[in-house]
Amino acid sequence: MATKIVHINKDNCATVVCEKCGKYKTINLDKHKHNIRSCKVTCRCGNSFAITFERRCAYRKQVDLLGICSNFNNHKHFEINLIDISISGIGFRALEKNVPQIGDILKVQFVLDDIPKSHIVRHIIVRRVVNNLIGAEFCDKITDKKLGFYLMP
């Protein structure tokens, strides 16, 4: 059984649609703000399926790209492997022991695997660190056309 991703909107509600009959139900998740991640649901038509709730507001694309980071706090450079990217940030794996800390501001450079091989240079702030996996948000809230086109389905 494939798990279906259901996005949670800004009002903390999610709409679940049955793929078999098309019936839908909007669920208020206020009681479960931080607890709920996934569950199994059964529609009135009898169809059962698994769902995973997603709180992200931007589409995140899985990638496998190499890049370089420069840490402004300690002036060190290190190689990274980007594992996902969205219009608002990136997830990457530090390839060296020089792992940044939450709140560090980094300059990241990488080349997309699109046809023109677009070169991206952005400033990021580290929001999450788990071992060598880092989640970061773009500091500059610019609209990057190259990145926008790259993320289009």
Protein backbone atom coordinates (compact mmCIF):
# COMPACT_ATOMS: atom_id res chain seq x y z
CA MET A 1 0.00 0.00 0.00
CA ALA A 2 1.49 3.33 -1.09
CA THR A 3 1.43 6.15 1.42
CA LYS A 4 -0.35 9.28 0.27
CA ILE A 5 1.04 12.69 1.28
CA VAL A 6 -1.53 15.15 2.64
CA HIS A 7 -0.48 18.79 3.11
CA ILE A 8 -1.51 20.74 6.19
CA ASN A 9 -2.59 24.31 5.45
CA LYS A 10 -1.90 27.45 7.51
CA ASP A 11 -5.15 26.92 9.47
CA ASN A 12 -3.80 23.51 10.63
CA CYS A 13 -6.35 21.62 8.51
CA ALA A 14 -5.76 18.83 5.99
CA THR A 15 -8.08 17.53 3.29
CA VAL A 16 -7.96 13.78 2.68
CA VAL A 17 -9.34 12.54 -0.66
CA CYS A 18 -10.21 8.90 -1.34
CA GLU A 19 -8.63 7.83 -4.63
CA LYS A 20 -11.28 5.14 -5.13
CA CYS A 21 -14.51 7.12 -4.80
CA GLY A 22 -13.35 10.75 -4.74
CA LYS A 23 -15.03 11.59 -1.42
CA TYR A 24 -13.09 13.98 0.76
CA LYS A 25 -12.95 15.06 4.36
CA THR A 26 -11.22 18.07 5.89
CA ILE A 27 -9.62 17.31 9.23
CA ASN A 28 -8.77 19.95 11.85
CA LEU A 29 -5.44 19.00 13.43
CA ASP A 30 -5.38 21.62 16.23
CA LYS A 31 -5.42 18.90 18.90
CA HIS A 32 -2.47 17.14 17.26
CA LYS A 33 -0.14 20.04 16.38
CA HIS A 34 3.11 18.19 17.01
CA ASN A 35 2.05 14.57 17.56
CA ILE A 36 0.61 13.39 14.27
CA ARG A 37 2.82 12.36 11.36
CA SER A 38 1.03 9.48 9.65
CA CYS A 39 -1.96 7.20 10.06
CA LYS A 40 -4.20 4.73 8.27
CA VAL A 41 -7.67 5.88 7.24
CA THR A 42 -10.74 4.06 5.96
CA CYS A 43 -13.20 5.82 3.69
CA ARG A 44 -16.97 5.33 3.93
CA CYS A 45 -16.71 3.36 0.67
CA GLY A 46 -14.48 0.81 2.44
CA ASN A 47 -11.17 1.83 0.82
CA SER A 48 -8.26 1.89 3.29
CA PHE A 49 -5.02 3.77 2.71
CA ALA A 50 -2.08 5.22 4.61
CA ILE A 51 -1.46 8.98 4.77
CA THR A 52 1.48 11.08 5.89
CA PHE A 53 0.90 14.67 6.94
CA GLU A 54 3.31 17.24 5.49
CA ARG A 55 3.68 20.68 7.10
CA ARG A 56 6.09 22.13 4.55
CA CYS A 57 4.76 25.07 2.60
CA ALA A 58 7.04 24.59 -0.42
CA TYR A 59 7.63 21.60 -2.68
CA ARG A 60 10.90 19.82 -1.85
CA LYS A 61 12.73 18.00 -4.64
CA GLN A 62 15.07 15.08 -3.92
CA VAL A 63 18.50 15.67 -5.52
CA ASP A 64 22.06 14.34 -5.47
CA LEU A 65 24.30 17.35 -6.10
CA LEU A 66 27.75 18.33 -4.87
CA GLY A 67 28.48 21.79 -3.55
CA ILE A 68 30.73 23.91 -1.37
CA CYS A 69 29.87 25.84 1.80
CA SER A 70 31.76 28.71 3.39
CA ASN A 71 31.10 29.32 7.08
CA PHE A 72 31.18 33.02 7.99
CA ASN A 73 31.53 32.23 11.73
CA ASN A 74 34.81 30.29 11.52
CA HIS A 75 35.91 31.08 7.93
CA LYS A 76 36.15 27.37 7.01
CA HIS A 77 35.09 25.79 3.72
CA PHE A 78 33.68 22.28 3.36
CA GLU A 79 32.13 20.08 0.69
CA ILE A 80 28.48 19.09 0.85
CA ASN A 81 26.11 16.68 -0.85
CA LEU A 82 22.69 18.31 -1.42
CA ILE A 83 19.92 15.77 -0.83
CA ASP A 84 16.87 18.00 -1.27
CA ILE A 85 16.03 21.50 -2.37
CA SER A 86 13.02 23.81 -2.29
CA ILE A 87 12.38 27.42 -3.16
CA SER A 88 12.94 28.31 0.52
CA GLY A 89 15.92 26.15 1.51
CA ILE A 90 18.08 23.05 1.17
CA GLY A 91 18.90 19.83 2.95
CA PHE A 92 22.44 18.53 2.71
CA ARG A 93 24.98 16.16 4.13
CA ALA A 94 28.34 17.55 5.28
CA LEU A 95 31.08 15.46 3.66
CA GLU A 96 33.67 16.46 6.27
CA LYS A 97 33.72 16.60 10.06
CA ASN A 98 33.39 20.39 9.91
CA VAL A 99 29.62 20.33 10.62
CA PRO A 100 28.00 23.76 11.09
CA GLN A 101 25.88 24.62 14.12
CA ILE A 102 22.27 25.82 14.31
CA GLY A 103 22.22 29.56 13.57
CA ASP A 104 25.41 29.55 11.47
CA ILE A 105 25.22 31.63 8.31
CA LEU A 106 26.82 29.95 5.31
CA LYS A 107 27.47 30.79 1.70
CA VAL A 108 26.54 27.79 -0.44
CA GLN A 109 27.49 27.19 -4.08
CA PHE A 110 26.31 24.34 -6.30
CA VAL A 111 25.47 23.53 -9.90
CA LEU A 112 22.02 22.20 -10.80
CA ASP A 113 21.72 19.13 -13.00
CA ASP A 114 19.46 20.99 -15.46
CA ILE A 115 20.33 21.45 -19.15
CA PRO A 116 22.08 24.85 -18.78
CA LYS A 117 23.94 23.60 -15.65
CA SER A 118 22.75 26.62 -13.65
CA HIS A 119 25.21 27.86 -11.03
CA ILE A 120 23.53 28.80 -7.74
CA VAL A 121 25.17 30.95 -5.04
CA ARG A 122 23.03 31.73 -1.99
CA HIS A 123 23.35 32.55 1.70
CA ILE A 124 21.68 30.14 4.12
CA ILE A 125 21.04 29.93 7.84
CA VAL A 126 21.29 26.51 9.50
CA ARG A 127 17.96 25.55 11.09
CA ARG A 128 18.47 21.84 11.90
CA VAL A 129 21.50 19.59 12.51
CA VAL A 130 21.24 15.83 13.03
CA ASN A 131 24.69 14.19 12.91
CA ASN A 132 25.97 15.30 9.51
CA LEU A 133 22.50 16.04 8.03
CA ILE A 134 21.76 19.74 7.88
CA GLY A 135 18.54 21.60 7.07
CA ALA A 136 18.96 25.24 6.09
CA GLU A 137 16.80 28.15 4.99
CA PHE A 138 17.78 30.70 2.37
CA CYS A 139 18.55 34.05 4.05
CA ASP A 140 17.92 36.19 1.01
CA LYS A 141 14.24 36.05 0.14
CA ILE A 142 14.86 36.69 -3.56
CA THR A 143 12.93 34.96 -6.30
CA ASP A 144 15.51 32.79 -8.03
CA LYS A 145 14.19 32.11 -11.56
CA LYS A 146 16.76 29.37 -12.25
CA LEU A 147 15.77 27.54 -9.09
CA GLY A 148 12.06 28.11 -9.73
CA PHE A 149 12.28 26.57 -13.20
CA TYR A 150 14.34 23.68 -11.84
CA LEU A 151 11.67 22.87 -9.23
CA MET A 152 8.81 22.86 -11.73
CA PRO A 153 7.37 19.33 -12.19
